[in-house]
């Protein structure tokens, strides 16, 4: 699977704690569930604390 530039940037920002999973998925232009699947495929650590949960939850309402 060839990654597009947006996805690569989003993954880097997520890995560097510069974006939450939700924000990174949005940056990549893909659904959060798909982004989470990519994290699993690439064996990227999923760091998700209370702050990230609150930010993502706020984005849903």
PDB file of N, CA and C in Angstrom:
ATOM      1  N   UNK A   1       0.848  -1.175   0.000  1.00  0.00           N
ATOM      2  CA  UNK A   1       0.000   0.000   0.000  1.00  0.00           C
ATOM      3  C   UNK A   1       0.898   1.243   0.000  1.00  0.00           C
ATOM      4  N   UNK A   2       0.733   2.079  -0.986  1.00  0.00           N
ATOM      5  CA  UNK A   2       1.518   3.308  -1.058  1.00  0.00           C
ATOM      6  C   UNK A   2       0.822   4.392  -0.239  1.00  0.00           C
ATOM      7  N   UNK A   3       1.572   4.968   0.688  1.00  0.00           N
ATOM      8  CA  UNK A   3       1.007   6.003   1.541  1.00  0.00           C
ATOM      9  C   UNK A   3       1.071   7.348   0.837  1.00  0.00           C
ATOM     10  N   UNK A   4       0.065   8.132   1.072  1.00  0.00           N
ATOM     11  CA  UNK A   4       0.119   9.477   0.516  1.00  0.00           C
ATOM     12  C   UNK A   4       0.870  10.395   1.476  1.00  0.00           C
ATOM     13  N   UNK A   5       1.233  11.547   0.978  1.00  0.00           N
ATOM     14  CA  UNK A   5       2.038  12.492   1.757  1.00  0.00           C
ATOM     15  C   UNK A   5       1.316  12.943   3.027  1.00  0.00           C
ATOM     16  N   UNK A   6       0.005  13.179   2.927  1.00  0.00           N
ATOM     17  CA  UNK A   6      -0.757  13.620   4.102  1.00  0.00           C
ATOM     18  C   UNK A   6      -0.696  12.579   5.217  1.00  0.00           C
ATOM     19  N   UNK A   7      -0.823  11.307   4.842  1.00  0.00           N
ATOM     20  CA  UNK A   7      -0.791  10.242   5.841  1.00  0.00           C
ATOM     21  C   UNK A   7       0.583  10.165   6.494  1.00  0.00           C
ATOM     22  N   UNK A   8       1.634  10.270   5.715  1.00  0.00           N
ATOM     23  CA  UNK A   8       2.986  10.221   6.278  1.00  0.00           C
ATOM     24  C   UNK A   8       3.196  11.343   7.288  1.00  0.00           C
ATOM     25  N   UNK A   9       2.758  12.546   6.930  1.00  0.00           N
ATOM     26  CA  UNK A   9       2.901  13.688   7.838  1.00  0.00           C
ATOM     27  C   UNK A   9       2.080  13.457   9.107  1.00  0.00           C
ATOM     28  N   UNK A  10       0.852  12.974   8.944  1.00  0.00           N
ATOM     29  CA  UNK A  10      -0.017  12.720  10.095  1.00  0.00           C
ATOM     30  C   UNK A  10       0.589  11.669  11.024  1.00  0.00           C
ATOM     31  N   UNK A  11       1.157  10.616  10.457  1.00  0.00           N
ATOM     32  CA  UNK A  11       1.791   9.579  11.274  1.00  0.00           C
ATOM     33  C   UNK A  11       2.976  10.146  12.049  1.00  0.00           C
ATOM     34  N   UNK A  12       3.773  10.962  11.407  1.00  0.00           N
ATOM     35  CA  UNK A  12       4.920  11.576  12.082  1.00  0.00           C
ATOM     36  C   UNK A  12       4.463  12.479  13.223  1.00  0.00           C
ATOM     37  N   UNK A  13       3.441  13.285  12.964  1.00  0.00           N
ATOM     38  CA  UNK A  13       2.936  14.178  14.011  1.00  0.00           C
ATOM     39  C   UNK A  13       2.389  13.370  15.184  1.00  0.00           C
ATOM     40  N   UNK A  14       1.697  12.267  14.894  1.00  0.00           N
ATOM     41  CA  UNK A  14       1.175  11.416  15.952  1.00  0.00           C
ATOM     42  C   UNK A  14       2.318  10.788  16.744  1.00  0.00           C
ATOM     43  N   UNK A  15       3.314  10.250  16.042  1.00  0.00           N
ATOM     44  CA  UNK A  15       4.449   9.607  16.719  1.00  0.00           C
ATOM     45  C   UNK A  15       5.215  10.588  17.602  1.00  0.00           C
ATOM     46  N   UNK A  16       5.257  11.848  17.192  1.00  0.00           N
ATOM     47  CA  UNK A  16       5.995  12.868  17.936  1.00  0.00           C
ATOM     48  C   UNK A  16       5.130  13.602  18.960  1.00  0.00           C
ATOM     49  N   UNK A  17       3.945  13.070  19.224  1.00  0.00           N
ATOM     50  CA  UNK A  17       3.005  13.676  20.185  1.00  0.00           C
ATOM     51  C   UNK A  17       2.615  15.097  19.808  1.00  0.00           C
ATOM     52  N   UNK A  18       2.592  15.388  18.521  1.00  0.00           N
ATOM     53  CA  UNK A  18       2.203  16.712  18.042  1.00  0.00           C
ATOM     54  C   UNK A  18       0.738  16.744  17.612  1.00  0.00           C
ATOM     55  N   UNK A  19       0.095  15.578  17.564  1.00  0.00           N
ATOM     56  CA  UNK A  19      -1.314  15.490  17.179  1.00  0.00           C
ATOM     57  C   UNK A  19      -1.936  14.267  17.838  1.00  0.00           C
ATOM     58  N   UNK A  20      -3.200  14.401  18.219  1.00  0.00           N
ATOM     59  CA  UNK A  20      -3.938  13.246  18.732  1.00  0.00           C
ATOM     60  C   UNK A  20      -4.276  12.336  17.552  1.00  0.00           C
ATOM     61  N   UNK A  21      -4.752  11.150  17.856  1.00  0.00           N
ATOM     62  CA  UNK A  21      -5.141  10.223  16.798  1.00  0.00           C
ATOM     63  C   UNK A  21      -6.245  10.833  15.942  1.00  0.00           C
ATOM     64  N   UNK A  22      -7.194  11.474  16.581  1.00  0.00           N
ATOM     65  CA  UNK A  22      -8.304  12.081  15.852  1.00  0.00           C
ATOM     66  C   UNK A  22      -7.823  13.200  14.934  1.00  0.00           C
ATOM     67  N   UNK A  23      -6.947  14.057  15.458  1.00  0.00           N
ATOM     68  CA  UNK A  23      -6.422  15.155  14.647  1.00  0.00           C
ATOM     69  C   UNK A  23      -5.566  14.629  13.505  1.00  0.00           C
ATOM     70  N   UNK A  24      -4.766  13.617  13.775  1.00  0.00           N
ATOM     71  CA  UNK A  24      -3.910  13.045  12.739  1.00  0.00           C
ATOM     72  C   UNK A  24      -4.753  12.397  11.642  1.00  0.00           C
ATOM     73  N   UNK A  25      -5.806  11.699  12.035  1.00  0.00           N
ATOM     74  CA  UNK A  25      -6.693  11.088  11.044  1.00  0.00           C
ATOM     75  C   UNK A  25      -7.325  12.160  10.173  1.00  0.00           C
ATOM     76  N   UNK A  26      -7.752  13.232  10.806  1.00  0.00           N
ATOM     77  CA  UNK A  26      -8.341  14.342  10.067  1.00  0.00           C
ATOM     78  C   UNK A  26      -7.330  14.951   9.099  1.00  0.00           C
ATOM     79  N   UNK A  27      -6.099  15.125   9.558  1.00  0.00           N
ATOM     80  CA  UNK A  27      -5.040  15.658   8.695  1.00  0.00           C
ATOM     81  C   UNK A  27      -4.813  14.761   7.480  1.00  0.00           C
ATOM     82  N   UNK A  28      -4.896  13.454   7.702  1.00  0.00           N
ATOM     83  CA  UNK A  28      -4.669  12.492   6.629  1.00  0.00           C
ATOM     84  C   UNK A  28      -5.888  12.349   5.721  1.00  0.00           C
ATOM     85  N   UNK A  29      -7.031  12.865   6.186  1.00  0.00           N
ATOM     86  CA  UNK A  29      -8.249  12.779   5.391  1.00  0.00           C
ATOM     87  C   UNK A  29      -8.889  11.404   5.402  1.00  0.00           C
ATOM     88  N   UNK A  30      -8.699  10.695   6.527  1.00  0.00           N
ATOM     89  CA  UNK A  30      -9.267   9.351   6.651  1.00  0.00           C
ATOM     90  C   UNK A  30     -10.034   9.246   7.969  1.00  0.00           C
ATOM     91  N   UNK A  31     -10.949   8.268   8.070  1.00  0.00           N
ATOM     92  CA  UNK A  31     -11.680   8.074   9.329  1.00  0.00           C
ATOM     93  C   UNK A  31     -10.731   7.647  10.456  1.00  0.00           C
ATOM     94  N   UNK A  32     -11.091   8.001  11.680  1.00  0.00           N
ATOM     95  CA  UNK A  32     -10.283   7.638  12.838  1.00  0.00           C
ATOM     96  C   UNK A  32     -10.065   6.129  12.904  1.00  0.00           C
ATOM     97  N   UNK A  33     -11.102   5.359  12.641  1.00  0.00           N
ATOM     98  CA  UNK A  33     -10.972   3.898  12.713  1.00  0.00           C
ATOM     99  C   UNK A  33      -9.920   3.381  11.733  1.00  0.00           C
ATOM    100  N   UNK A  34      -9.857   3.970  10.563  1.00  0.00           N
ATOM    101  CA  UNK A  34      -8.854   3.566   9.575  1.00  0.00           C
ATOM    102  C   UNK A  34      -7.453   3.964  10.051  1.00  0.00           C
ATOM    103  N   UNK A  35      -7.330   5.156  10.622  1.00  0.00           N
ATOM    104  CA  UNK A  35      -6.037   5.608  11.134  1.00  0.00           C
ATOM    105  C   UNK A  35      -5.553   4.680  12.243  1.00  0.00           C
ATOM    106  N   UNK A  36      -6.457   4.299  13.142  1.00  0.00           N
ATOM    107  CA  UNK A  36      -6.088   3.388  14.226  1.00  0.00           C
ATOM    108  C   UNK A  36      -5.635   2.041  13.671  1.00  0.00           C
ATOM    109  N   UNK A  37      -6.298   1.579  12.623  1.00  0.00           N
ATOM    110  CA  UNK A  37      -5.895   0.332  11.974  1.00  0.00           C
ATOM    111  C   UNK A  37      -4.497   0.423  11.387  1.00  0.00           C
ATOM    112  N   UNK A  38      -4.170   1.565  10.821  1.00  0.00           N
ATOM    113  CA  UNK A  38      -2.835   1.776  10.253  1.00  0.00           C
ATOM    114  C   UNK A  38      -1.789   1.763  11.367  1.00  0.00           C
ATOM    115  N   UNK A  39      -2.124   2.365  12.511  1.00  0.00           N
ATOM    116  CA  UNK A  39      -1.195   2.332  13.645  1.00  0.00           C
ATOM    117  C   UNK A  39      -0.899   0.894  14.056  1.00  0.00           C
ATOM    118  N   UNK A  40      -1.927   0.065  14.086  1.00  0.00           N
ATOM    119  CA  UNK A  40      -1.751  -1.341  14.452  1.00  0.00           C
ATOM    120  C   UNK A  40      -0.897  -2.052  13.402  1.00  0.00           C
ATOM    121  N   UNK A  41      -1.217  -1.857  12.123  1.00  0.00           N
ATOM    122  CA  UNK A  41      -0.455  -2.497  11.042  1.00  0.00           C
ATOM    123  C   UNK A  41       1.019  -2.141  11.103  1.00  0.00           C
ATOM    124  N   UNK A  42       1.303  -0.889  11.397  1.00  0.00           N
ATOM    125  CA  UNK A  42       2.681  -0.399  11.411  1.00  0.00           C
ATOM    126  C   UNK A  42       3.349  -0.585  12.772  1.00  0.00           C
ATOM    127  N   UNK A  43       2.603  -1.171  13.713  1.00  0.00           N
ATOM    128  CA  UNK A  43       3.104  -1.418  15.064  1.00  0.00           C
ATOM    129  C   UNK A  43       3.623  -0.134  15.716  1.00  0.00           C
ATOM    130  N   UNK A  44       2.838   0.928  15.545  1.00  0.00           N
ATOM    131  CA  UNK A  44       3.160   2.213  16.157  1.00  0.00           C
ATOM    132  C   UNK A  44       2.471   2.264  17.514  1.00  0.00           C
ATOM    133  N   UNK A  45       3.244   2.590  18.545  1.00  0.00           N
ATOM    134  CA  UNK A  45       2.678   2.676  19.896  1.00  0.00           C
ATOM    135  C   UNK A  45       1.520   3.658  19.926  1.00  0.00           C
ATOM    136  N   UNK A  46       0.476   3.230  20.590  1.00  0.00           N
ATOM    137  CA  UNK A  46      -0.722   4.054  20.686  1.00  0.00           C
ATOM    138  C   UNK A  46      -0.743   4.696  22.063  1.00  0.00           C
ATOM    139  N   UNK A  47      -0.241   5.920  22.138  1.00  0.00           N
ATOM    140  CA  UNK A  47      -0.223   6.675  23.385  1.00  0.00           C
ATOM    141  C   UNK A  47      -1.503   7.509  23.436  1.00  0.00           C
ATOM    142  N   UNK A  48      -2.303   7.223  24.408  1.00  0.00           N
ATOM    143  CA  UNK A  48      -3.604   7.881  24.463  1.00  0.00           C
ATOM    144  C   UNK A  48      -3.948   8.139  25.913  1.00  0.00           C
ATOM    145  N   UNK A  49      -3.758   9.365  26.335  1.00  0.00           N
ATOM    146  CA  UNK A  49      -4.036   9.729  27.712  1.00  0.00           C
ATOM    147  C   UNK A  49      -5.351  10.473  27.839  1.00  0.00           C
ATOM    148  N   UNK A  50      -5.612  10.934  29.023  1.00  0.00           N
ATOM    149  CA  UNK A  50      -6.856  11.648  29.304  1.00  0.00           C
ATOM    150  C   UNK A  50      -6.974  12.910  28.457  1.00  0.00           C
ATOM    151  N   UNK A  51      -5.873  13.637  28.300  1.00  0.00           N
ATOM    152  CA  UNK A  51      -5.899  14.872  27.510  1.00  0.00           C
ATOM    153  C   UNK A  51      -6.336  14.587  26.072  1.00  0.00           C
ATOM    154  N   UNK A  52      -5.761  13.548  25.473  1.00  0.00           N
ATOM    155  CA  UNK A  52      -6.114  13.199  24.099  1.00  0.00           C
ATOM    156  C   UNK A  52      -7.568  12.765  24.000  1.00  0.00           C
ATOM    157  N   UNK A  53      -8.017  11.980  24.974  1.00  0.00           N
ATOM    158  CA  UNK A  53      -9.406  11.536  24.987  1.00  0.00           C
ATOM    159  C   UNK A  53     -10.352  12.729  25.063  1.00  0.00           C
ATOM    160  N   UNK A  54     -10.043  13.687  25.931  1.00  0.00           N
ATOM    161  CA  UNK A  54     -10.886  14.875  26.058  1.00  0.00           C
ATOM    162  C   UNK A  54     -10.917  15.675  24.758  1.00  0.00           C
ATOM    163  N   UNK A  55      -9.743  15.847  24.119  1.00  0.00           N
ATOM    164  CA  UNK A  55      -9.686  16.594  22.862  1.00  0.00           C
ATOM    165  C   UNK A  55     -10.500  15.903  21.769  1.00  0.00           C
ATOM    166  N   UNK A  56     -10.351  14.590  21.678  1.00  0.00           N
ATOM    167  CA  UNK A  56     -11.091  13.857  20.656  1.00  0.00           C
ATOM    168  C   UNK A  56     -12.585  13.871  20.943  1.00  0.00           C
ATOM    169  N   UNK A  57     -12.964  13.764  22.218  1.00  0.00           N
ATOM    170  CA  UNK A  57     -14.371  13.779  22.584  1.00  0.00           C
ATOM    171  C   UNK A  57     -14.996  15.129  22.255  1.00  0.00           C
ATOM    172  N   UNK A  58     -14.259  16.217  22.523  1.00  0.00           N
ATOM    173  CA  UNK A  58     -14.758  17.552  22.199  1.00  0.00           C
ATOM    174  C   UNK A  58     -15.016  17.692  20.706  1.00  0.00           C
ATOM    175  N   UNK A  59     -14.206  17.040  19.907  1.00  0.00           N
ATOM    176  CA  UNK A  59     -14.378  17.107  18.460  1.00  0.00           C
ATOM    177  C   UNK A  59     -15.624  16.385  17.973  1.00  0.00           C
ATOM    178  N   UNK A  60     -16.160  15.507  18.803  1.00  0.00           N
ATOM    179  CA  UNK A  60     -17.349  14.748  18.411  1.00  0.00           C
ATOM    180  C   UNK A  60     -18.643  15.492  18.700  1.00  0.00           C
ATOM    181  N   UNK A  61     -18.609  16.436  19.654  1.00  0.00           N
ATOM    182  CA  UNK A  61     -19.834  17.159  20.000  1.00  0.00           C
ATOM    183  C   UNK A  61     -19.881  18.537  19.403  1.00  0.00           C
TER     184      UNK A  61
END
